[in-house]
C-alpha atoms as a PDB file:
ATOM      1  CA  MET A   1     -23.677 -11.910  11.996  1.00  0.00           C
ATOM      2  CA  ARG A   2     -22.355  -8.733  11.469  1.00  0.00           C
ATOM      3  CA  ARG A   3     -20.815  -8.167   8.033  1.00  0.00           C
ATOM      4  CA  ARG A   4     -17.127  -7.897   7.598  1.00  0.00           C
ATOM      5  CA  VAL A   5     -15.991  -4.377   7.181  1.00  0.00           C
ATOM      6  CA  ALA A   6     -13.007  -3.778   4.937  1.00  0.00           C
ATOM      7  CA  LEU A   7     -11.241  -0.071   4.446  1.00  0.00           C
ATOM      8  CA  VAL A   8      -8.890   0.041   1.707  1.00  0.00           C
ATOM      9  CA  THR A   9      -7.007   3.319   0.982  1.00  0.00           C
ATOM     10  CA  GLY A  10      -5.875   3.910  -2.854  1.00  0.00           C
ATOM     11  CA  VAL A  11      -8.659   1.936  -4.348  1.00  0.00           C
ATOM     12  CA  THR A  12      -8.867   4.163  -7.847  1.00  0.00           C
ATOM     13  CA  ALA A  13      -5.794   2.048  -9.095  1.00  0.00           C
ATOM     14  CA  GLY A  14      -3.614  -0.815  -9.284  1.00  0.00           C
ATOM     15  CA  PHE A  15      -3.290  -2.876  -5.835  1.00  0.00           C
ATOM     16  CA  GLY A  16      -6.184  -1.037  -3.963  1.00  0.00           C
ATOM     17  CA  GLU A  17      -8.288  -1.119  -7.203  1.00  0.00           C
ATOM     18  CA  ALA A  18      -7.526  -4.927  -7.288  1.00  0.00           C
ATOM     19  CA  ALA A  19      -8.174  -5.678  -3.474  1.00  0.00           C
ATOM     20  CA  ALA A  20     -11.272  -4.264  -3.558  1.00  0.00           C
ATOM     21  CA  ARG A  21     -12.683  -6.586  -5.988  1.00  0.00           C
ATOM     22  CA  GLN A  22     -11.251  -9.241  -4.843  1.00  0.00           C
ATOM     23  CA  LEU A  23     -12.307  -8.609  -1.023  1.00  0.00           C
ATOM     24  CA  HIS A  24     -15.852  -7.607  -2.034  1.00  0.00           C
ATOM     25  CA  ASP A  25     -16.279 -11.117  -4.063  1.00  0.00           C
ATOM     26  CA  LEU A  26     -15.249 -13.061  -1.036  1.00  0.00           C
ATOM     27  CA  GLY A  27     -17.762 -11.438   0.676  1.00  0.00           C
ATOM     28  CA  TRP A  28     -16.441  -8.077   2.413  1.00  0.00           C
ATOM     29  CA  HIS A  29     -18.067  -4.964   2.869  1.00  0.00           C
ATOM     30  CA  VAL A  30     -15.647  -2.422   1.398  1.00  0.00           C
ATOM     31  CA  VAL A  31     -14.901   0.641   2.359  1.00  0.00           C
ATOM     32  CA  GLY A  32     -12.964   2.361  -0.522  1.00  0.00           C
ATOM     33  CA  THR A  33     -11.083   5.691  -0.559  1.00  0.00           C
ATOM     34  CA  GLY A  34      -9.200   7.874  -3.094  1.00  0.00           C
ATOM     35  CA  ARG A  35      -8.756  11.200  -4.224  1.00  0.00           C
ATOM     36  CA  ARG A  36     -10.510  10.573  -8.061  1.00  0.00           C
ATOM     37  CA  LEU A  37     -14.232  11.046  -7.393  1.00  0.00           C
ATOM     38  CA  GLU A  38     -15.510   9.848 -11.019  1.00  0.00           C
ATOM     39  CA  ARG A  39     -13.308   6.425 -10.767  1.00  0.00           C
ATOM     40  CA  LEU A  40     -14.729   5.809  -7.254  1.00  0.00           C
ATOM     41  CA  GLU A  41     -18.264   5.822  -8.503  1.00  0.00           C
ATOM     42  CA  SER A  42     -17.016   4.196 -11.630  1.00  0.00           C
ATOM     43  CA  LEU A  43     -15.900   1.331  -9.021  1.00  0.00           C
ATOM     44  CA  GLY A  44     -18.886   1.414  -6.888  1.00  0.00           C
ATOM     45  CA  SER A  45     -21.377   0.755 -10.158  1.00  0.00           C
ATOM     46  CA  ALA A  46     -19.096  -2.464 -10.738  1.00  0.00           C
ATOM     47  CA  LEU A  47     -19.519  -4.220  -7.647  1.00  0.00           C
ATOM     48  CA  SER A  48     -22.576  -3.730  -5.281  1.00  0.00           C
ATOM     49  CA  GLU A  49     -24.382  -2.293  -2.208  1.00  0.00           C
ATOM     50  CA  ARG A  50     -21.750  -3.810  -0.959  1.00  0.00           C
ATOM     51  CA  PHE A  51     -19.197  -0.992  -1.445  1.00  0.00           C
ATOM     52  CA  THR A  52     -18.714   2.610   0.267  1.00  0.00           C
ATOM     53  CA  PRO A  53     -16.464   5.095  -1.393  1.00  0.00           C
ATOM     54  CA  LEU A  54     -14.591   7.755   0.267  1.00  0.00           C
ATOM     55  CA  CYS A  55     -13.580  10.426  -1.454  1.00  0.00           C
ATOM     56  CA  PHE A  56     -10.566  12.389   0.460  1.00  0.00           C
ATOM     57  CA  ASP A  57      -6.851  12.808   0.338  1.00  0.00           C
ATOM     58  CA  VAL A  58      -4.875  10.571   3.043  1.00  0.00           C
ATOM     59  CA  ARG A  59      -2.502  13.515   3.057  1.00  0.00           C
ATOM     60  CA  ASP A  60      -4.646  15.809   4.882  1.00  0.00           C
ATOM     61  CA  PRO A  61      -5.661  14.732   8.155  1.00  0.00           C
ATOM     62  CA  SER A  62      -8.712  16.807   8.883  1.00  0.00           C
ATOM     63  CA  ALA A  63     -10.170  15.211   5.651  1.00  0.00           C
ATOM     64  CA  CYS A  64      -9.251  11.804   7.259  1.00  0.00           C
ATOM     65  CA  ALA A  65     -11.107  12.206  10.245  1.00  0.00           C
ATOM     66  CA  GLU A  66     -14.005  13.960   9.012  1.00  0.00           C
ATOM     67  CA  ALA A  67     -14.705  11.073   6.386  1.00  0.00           C
ATOM     68  CA  LEU A  68     -14.218   8.095   8.401  1.00  0.00           C
ATOM     69  CA  ASP A  69     -16.547  10.524  10.757  1.00  0.00           C
ATOM     70  CA  SER A  70     -19.178  10.013   7.745  1.00  0.00           C
ATOM     71  CA  LEU A  71     -19.440   6.743   7.891  1.00  0.00           C
ATOM     72  CA  PRO A  72     -22.981   5.042   9.032  1.00  0.00           C
ATOM     73  CA  ASP A  73     -22.366   3.065  12.750  1.00  0.00           C
ATOM     74  CA  PRO A  74     -22.594  -0.212  11.217  1.00  0.00           C
ATOM     75  CA  LEU A  75     -19.311   0.477   8.789  1.00  0.00           C
ATOM     76  CA  ARG A  76     -17.227   2.185  12.011  1.00  0.00           C
ATOM     77  CA  ALA A  77     -16.060  -0.966  13.206  1.00  0.00           C
ATOM     78  CA  VAL A  78     -13.511  -2.020  10.355  1.00  0.00           C
ATOM     79  CA  ASP A  79     -12.162  -5.869  10.627  1.00  0.00           C
ATOM     80  CA  LEU A  80      -9.622  -5.142   7.747  1.00  0.00           C
ATOM     81  CA  LEU A  81      -7.469  -2.234   7.202  1.00  0.00           C
ATOM     82  CA  VAL A  82      -5.949  -2.284   3.939  1.00  0.00           C
ATOM     83  CA  ASN A  83      -3.165   0.826   4.152  1.00  0.00           C
ATOM     84  CA  ASN A  84      -2.407   0.738   0.299  1.00  0.00           C
ATOM     85  CA  ALA A  85      -2.410   4.681  -0.835  1.00  0.00           C
ATOM     86  CA  GLY A  86       1.099   5.371  -2.029  1.00  0.00           C
ATOM     87  CA  LEU A  87       3.125   6.623  -4.930  1.00  0.00           C
ATOM     88  CA  ALA A  88       6.746   6.812  -5.985  1.00  0.00           C
ATOM     89  CA  ARG A  89       8.156   9.949  -8.165  1.00  0.00           C
ATOM     90  CA  GLY A  90      10.880  10.228  -9.992  1.00  0.00           C
ATOM     91  CA  LEU A  91      14.034   7.957 -10.629  1.00  0.00           C
ATOM     92  CA  GLU A  92      16.689  10.485 -10.836  1.00  0.00           C
ATOM     93  CA  PRO A  93      19.964  10.441  -8.609  1.00  0.00           C
ATOM     94  CA  ALA A  94      19.165  12.157  -4.908  1.00  0.00           C
ATOM     95  CA  HIS A  95      20.700  15.111  -5.784  1.00  0.00           C
ATOM     96  CA  GLN A  96      19.008  16.008  -8.790  1.00  0.00           C
ATOM     97  CA  CYS A  97      15.688  15.027  -7.199  1.00  0.00           C
ATOM     98  CA  ASP A  98      12.853  17.260  -7.109  1.00  0.00           C
ATOM     99  CA  LEU A  99      12.235  18.041  -3.517  1.00  0.00           C
ATOM    100  CA  ASN A 100       8.412  18.431  -3.932  1.00  0.00           C
ATOM    101  CA  ASP A 101       8.265  14.937  -5.475  1.00  0.00           C
ATOM    102  CA  TRP A 102       9.863  14.022  -1.836  1.00  0.00           C
ATOM    103  CA  GLN A 103       7.886  16.082   0.102  1.00  0.00           C
ATOM    104  CA  GLN A 104       4.619  14.249  -1.480  1.00  0.00           C
ATOM    105  CA  MET A 105       6.047  10.593  -0.945  1.00  0.00           C
ATOM    106  CA  ILE A 106       6.498  11.686   2.359  1.00  0.00           C
ATOM    107  CA  ASP A 107       3.250  13.288   3.306  1.00  0.00           C
ATOM    108  CA  THR A 108       1.445   9.737   1.363  1.00  0.00           C
ATOM    109  CA  ASN A 109       3.485   6.782   2.210  1.00  0.00           C
ATOM    110  CA  ILE A 110       4.272   8.263   6.140  1.00  0.00           C
ATOM    111  CA  LYS A 111       1.962  10.347   7.251  1.00  0.00           C
ATOM    112  CA  GLY A 112      -1.106   9.214   5.313  1.00  0.00           C
ATOM    113  CA  LEU A 113      -0.656   5.740   6.449  1.00  0.00           C
ATOM    114  CA  VAL A 114      -0.105   6.510   9.900  1.00  0.00           C
ATOM    115  CA  THR A 115      -2.946   9.004  10.474  1.00  0.00           C
ATOM    116  CA  ILE A 116      -5.587   6.166   9.012  1.00  0.00           C
ATOM    117  CA  THR A 117      -3.782   3.614  11.064  1.00  0.00           C
ATOM    118  CA  ARG A 118      -4.373   5.689  14.300  1.00  0.00           C
ATOM    119  CA  LEU A 119      -7.718   6.843  13.695  1.00  0.00           C
ATOM    120  CA  ILE A 120      -8.816   3.184  13.085  1.00  0.00           C
ATOM    121  CA  SER A 121      -6.174   1.195  15.162  1.00  0.00           C
ATOM    122  CA  PRO A 122      -8.289   1.850  18.363  1.00  0.00           C
ATOM    123  CA  GLU A 123     -11.545   0.587  17.944  1.00  0.00           C
ATOM    124  CA  MET A 124      -9.790  -2.719  16.819  1.00  0.00           C
ATOM    125  CA  VAL A 125      -8.271  -2.487  20.182  1.00  0.00           C
ATOM    126  CA  HIS A 126     -11.071  -2.099  21.877  1.00  0.00           C
ATOM    127  CA  ARG A 127     -13.492  -4.620  20.537  1.00  0.00           C
ATOM    128  CA  GLY A 128     -10.137  -7.288  20.818  1.00  0.00           C
ATOM    129  CA  SER A 129     -10.013  -8.238  17.198  1.00  0.00           C
ATOM    130  CA  GLY A 130      -9.072  -6.682  13.574  1.00  0.00           C
ATOM    131  CA  THR A 131      -6.210  -7.162  10.799  1.00  0.00           C
ATOM    132  CA  ILE A 132      -3.875  -4.265   9.816  1.00  0.00           C
ATOM    133  CA  ILE A 133      -2.045  -4.875   6.114  1.00  0.00           C
ATOM    134  CA  ASN A 134       0.261  -2.203   5.471  1.00  0.00           C
ATOM    135  CA  ILE A 135       1.280  -2.302   1.742  1.00  0.00           C
ATOM    136  CA  SER A 136       5.247  -1.881   1.698  1.00  0.00           C
ATOM    137  CA  SER A 137       7.760  -3.000  -1.058  1.00  0.00           C
ATOM    138  CA  ILE A 138      11.150  -4.757  -1.632  1.00  0.00           C
ATOM    139  CA  ALA A 139      12.565  -1.377  -2.081  1.00  0.00           C
ATOM    140  CA  ALA A 140      12.166  -0.868   1.947  1.00  0.00           C
ATOM    141  CA  VAL A 141      14.763  -4.012   2.093  1.00  0.00           C
ATOM    142  CA  TYR A 142      17.402  -3.882  -1.003  1.00  0.00           C
ATOM    143  CA  PRO A 143      18.645  -0.234  -1.855  1.00  0.00           C
ATOM    144  CA  TYR A 144      18.620   0.555  -5.828  1.00  0.00           C
ATOM    145  CA  PRO A 145      20.001   3.789  -7.732  1.00  0.00           C
ATOM    146  CA  GLY A 146      16.827   6.334  -7.830  1.00  0.00           C
ATOM    147  CA  ALA A 147      14.983   4.431  -4.984  1.00  0.00           C
ATOM    148  CA  ASN A 148      16.169   7.262  -2.269  1.00  0.00           C
ATOM    149  CA  VAL A 149      13.145   8.607  -0.899  1.00  0.00           C
ATOM    150  CA  TYR A 150      10.869   6.273  -1.894  1.00  0.00           C
ATOM    151  CA  GLY A 151      12.755   3.216  -0.467  1.00  0.00           C
ATOM    152  CA  ALA A 152      13.304   5.330   2.880  1.00  0.00           C
ATOM    153  CA  THR A 153       9.412   6.070   3.045  1.00  0.00           C
ATOM    154  CA  LYS A 154       8.538   1.700   2.352  1.00  0.00           C
ATOM    155  CA  ALA A 155      11.185   0.826   4.796  1.00  0.00           C
ATOM    156  CA  PHE A 156       9.259   3.198   7.349  1.00  0.00           C
ATOM    157  CA  VAL A 157       6.042   1.448   6.612  1.00  0.00           C
ATOM    158  CA  THR A 158       7.965  -2.034   7.286  1.00  0.00           C
ATOM    159  CA  GLN A 159       9.550  -1.054  10.490  1.00  0.00           C
ATOM    160  CA  PHE A 160       6.256   1.005  11.401  1.00  0.00           C
ATOM    161  CA  SER A 161       4.606  -2.085  11.304  1.00  0.00           C
ATOM    162  CA  LEU A 162       6.902  -4.380  13.072  1.00  0.00           C
ATOM    163  CA  ASN A 163       6.502  -1.622  16.239  1.00  0.00           C
ATOM    164  CA  LEU A 164       3.195  -1.484  15.459  1.00  0.00           C
ATOM    165  CA  ARG A 165       2.768  -5.519  16.186  1.00  0.00           C
ATOM    166  CA  ALA A 166       4.649  -5.004  19.227  1.00  0.00           C
ATOM    167  CA  ASP A 167       2.151  -2.275  20.641  1.00  0.00           C
ATOM    168  CA  LEU A 168      -0.624  -4.542  20.003  1.00  0.00           C
ATOM    169  CA  HIS A 169       0.827  -7.382  21.647  1.00  0.00           C
ATOM    170  CA  GLY A 170      -2.314  -9.267  23.304  1.00  0.00           C
ATOM    171  CA  SER A 171      -4.562  -7.033  22.003  1.00  0.00           C
ATOM    172  CA  GLY A 172      -5.906  -9.457  19.284  1.00  0.00           C
ATOM    173  CA  VAL A 173      -5.080  -7.246  16.454  1.00  0.00           C
ATOM    174  CA  ARG A 174      -3.055  -8.217  13.672  1.00  0.00           C
ATOM    175  CA  VAL A 175      -0.390  -6.448  11.595  1.00  0.00           C
ATOM    176  CA  THR A 176       0.881  -7.717   8.469  1.00  0.00           C
ATOM    177  CA  THR A 177       3.428  -6.085   5.518  1.00  0.00           C
ATOM    178  CA  ILE A 178       3.300  -6.617   2.294  1.00  0.00           C
ATOM    179  CA  GLU A 179       6.321  -6.637   0.023  1.00  0.00           C
ATOM    180  CA  PRO A 180       5.855  -6.739  -3.688  1.00  0.00           C
ATOM    181  CA  GLY A 181       8.819  -6.195  -6.193  1.00  0.00           C
ATOM    182  CA  LEU A 182       8.671  -5.978  -9.752  1.00  0.00           C
ATOM    183  CA  ALA A 183       4.871  -5.152 -10.574  1.00  0.00           C
ATOM    184  CA  GLN A 184       2.906  -3.279 -13.271  1.00  0.00           C
ATOM    185  CA  THR A 185       0.279  -0.915 -12.350  1.00  0.00           C
ATOM    186  CA  GLU A 186      -0.812   2.639 -12.817  1.00  0.00           C
ATOM    187  CA  PHE A 187       2.125   3.141 -10.295  1.00  0.00           C
ATOM    188  CA  SER A 188       4.735   3.092 -13.235  1.00  0.00           C
ATOM    189  CA  VAL A 189       3.139   5.500 -14.946  1.00  0.00           C
ATOM    190  CA  VAL A 190       3.112   7.878 -12.197  1.00  0.00           C
ATOM    191  CA  ARG A 191       6.908   7.111 -11.490  1.00  0.00           C
ATOM    192  CA  PHE A 192       8.094   7.847 -14.851  1.00  0.00           C
ATOM    193  CA  GLY A 193       5.896  11.457 -14.773  1.00  0.00           C
ATOM    194  CA  GLY A 194       3.110  10.436 -16.924  1.00  0.00           C
ATOM    195  CA  ASP A 195       5.491   8.580 -19.514  1.00  0.00           C
ATOM    196  CA  THR A 196       3.621   5.596 -20.721  1.00  0.00           C
ATOM    197  CA  GLU A 197       5.627   4.451 -23.160  1.00  0.00           C
ATOM    198  CA  ARG A 198       9.172   4.809 -20.913  1.00  0.00           C
ATOM    199  CA  ALA A 199       6.818   2.920 -17.936  1.00  0.00           C
ATOM    200  CA  LYS A 200       6.082   0.183 -20.804  1.00  0.00           C
ATOM    201  CA  ALA A 201       9.862  -0.446 -21.120  1.00  0.00           C
ATOM    202  CA  ALA A 202      10.565  -1.069 -17.670  1.00  0.00           C
ATOM    203  CA  TYR A 203       8.821  -4.091 -18.143  1.00  0.00           C
ATOM    204  CA  ALA A 204       9.042  -5.338 -21.531  1.00  0.00           C
ATOM    205  CA  ASP A 205      10.110  -9.147 -21.741  1.00  0.00           C
ATOM    206  CA  THR A 206       9.411  -9.863 -18.116  1.00  0.00           C
ATOM    207  CA  ASP A 207       6.595 -12.006 -16.408  1.00  0.00           C
ATOM    208  CA  TYR A 208       5.846  -8.952 -13.743  1.00  0.00           C
ATOM    209  CA  LEU A 209       3.633  -9.460 -11.041  1.00  0.00           C
ATOM    210  CA  THR A 210       0.044  -8.161 -11.536  1.00  0.00           C
ATOM    211  CA  ALA A 211      -2.322  -5.882  -9.257  1.00  0.00           C
ATOM    212  CA  GLU A 212      -4.457  -9.115  -8.774  1.00  0.00           C
ATOM    213  CA  ASP A 213      -1.239 -11.244  -7.875  1.00  0.00           C
ATOM    214  CA  VAL A 214      -0.857  -8.862  -4.936  1.00  0.00           C
ATOM    215  CA  ALA A 215      -4.253  -8.596  -4.418  1.00  0.00           C
ATOM    216  CA  GLU A 216      -4.705 -12.408  -3.898  1.00  0.00           C
ATOM    217  CA  ALA A 217      -1.782 -11.811  -1.313  1.00  0.00           C
ATOM    218  CA  ILE A 218      -4.062  -9.295   0.859  1.00  0.00           C
ATOM    219  CA  CYS A 219      -6.990 -12.056   0.510  1.00  0.00           C
ATOM    220  CA  TRP A 220      -5.189 -14.656   1.539  1.00  0.00           C
ATOM    221  CA  VAL A 221      -3.559 -12.482   5.058  1.00  0.00           C
ATOM    222  CA  ALA A 222      -7.190 -11.333   5.298  1.00  0.00           C
ATOM    223  CA  GLU A 223      -8.636 -14.785   5.433  1.00  0.00           C
ATOM    224  CA  LEU A 224      -6.363 -16.649   7.842  1.00  0.00           C
ATOM    225  CA  PRO A 225      -7.619 -17.720  11.220  1.00  0.00           C
ATOM    226  CA  SER A 226      -7.291 -15.207  13.747  1.00  0.00           C
ATOM    227  CA  HIS A 227      -4.728 -16.764  15.660  1.00  0.00           C
ATOM    228  CA  VAL A 228      -2.349 -16.666  13.004  1.00  0.00           C
ATOM    229  CA  ASN A 229      -0.475 -13.532  12.200  1.00  0.00           C
ATOM    230  CA  ILE A 230       1.881 -12.857   9.233  1.00  0.00           C
ATOM    231  CA  ASN A 231       4.404 -10.611   9.934  1.00  0.00           C
ATOM    232  CA  ARG A 232       5.735  -9.803   6.662  1.00  0.00           C
ATOM    233  CA  LEU A 233       5.039 -11.007   3.128  1.00  0.00           C
ATOM    234  CA  GLU A 234       7.593 -10.525   0.307  1.00  0.00           C
ATOM    235  CA  LEU A 235       6.665 -11.118  -3.395  1.00  0.00           C
ATOM    236  CA  MET A 236       8.637 -11.268  -6.184  1.00  0.00           C
ATOM    237  CA  PRO A 237       7.861 -12.403 -10.044  1.00  0.00           C
ATOM    238  CA  VAL A 238      10.259 -15.443 -10.547  1.00  0.00           C
ATOM    239  CA  SER A 239      11.703 -13.171 -13.325  1.00  0.00           C
ATOM    240  CA  GLN A 240      13.203 -10.810 -10.284  1.00  0.00           C
ATOM    241  CA  SER A 241      15.582 -11.835  -7.743  1.00  0.00           C
ATOM    242  CA  PHE A 242      19.216 -10.168  -6.355  1.00  0.00           C
ATOM    243  CA  GLY A 243      21.849  -8.098  -7.847  1.00  0.00           C
ATOM    244  CA  ALA A 244      25.879  -7.886  -6.639  1.00  0.00           C
ATOM    245  CA  PHE A 245      26.702  -5.173  -4.717  1.00  0.00           C
ATOM    246  CA  PRO A 246      28.294  -2.575  -7.029  1.00  0.00           C
ATOM    247  CA  ILE A 247      32.053  -1.656  -6.799  1.00  0.00           C
ATOM    248  CA  HIS A 248      33.416   1.481  -8.219  1.00  0.00           C
ATOM    249  CA  ARG A 249      36.860   1.494  -9.488  1.00  0.00           C
ATOM    250  CA  GLU A 250      39.271   4.116  -9.828  1.00  0.00           C
ATOM    251  CA  PRO A 251      41.485   3.858 -13.212  1.00  0.00           C
ATOM    252  CA  ARG A 252      45.092   3.532 -11.854  1.00  0.00           C
ATOM    253  CA  ASP A 253      47.969   5.798 -13.238  1.00  0.00           C
ATOM    254  CA  GLU A 254      50.157   3.399 -14.061  1.00  0.00           C
ATOM    255  CA  SER A 255      53.188   5.922 -15.304  1.00  0.00           C
END
């Protein structure tokens, strides 16, 4: 039997690393991408010859194409694409945000994801099978102060995935978005600009999702029978739910 090949972007931390480990343990050959070579090498040492590292930045279309073209023939037929690479930067209100942070989120969360999808999906369609899992967020659906461009990029991921599913109707290719809620990973430290104490405080006294929880969801979707498509999968820890709509009230002049 031909080996099952999973391409997971952003495996140097968080959801991506956990997904790479769990898929590997399930027998997949994992092609893991990331920008930090030393972390890719460390992950490879912890796994086996069924892990192939690719070091490049998804924001660079030329680097994406060159890296994928470097794969040996047996690994070019990707059965599972997990578009995980992404980030959030800043929690300031929109009028105070750093424009560079906004552009980095757009370049990574949107442009990087669509580039990899466009490079991988034609072979899946040609073969008549494959699964694309895009990591979105509950921020795609539920707005909150400070989410601004991050939430908008994840809304793009969710809607792009639904439209991709419509485009690929009849092709045999499955498309899923996984939308996690409160989860503690290195993602949080990046969002808080490297302030680990502030990042930890956001999760104090709560039972949050872990990277392994989200990886289990990824593996569950990937391992379903090929005729089953999960369109969207939203995850929250039990400790998280929904808030009321805020209403701003101006004080009345009673004079």
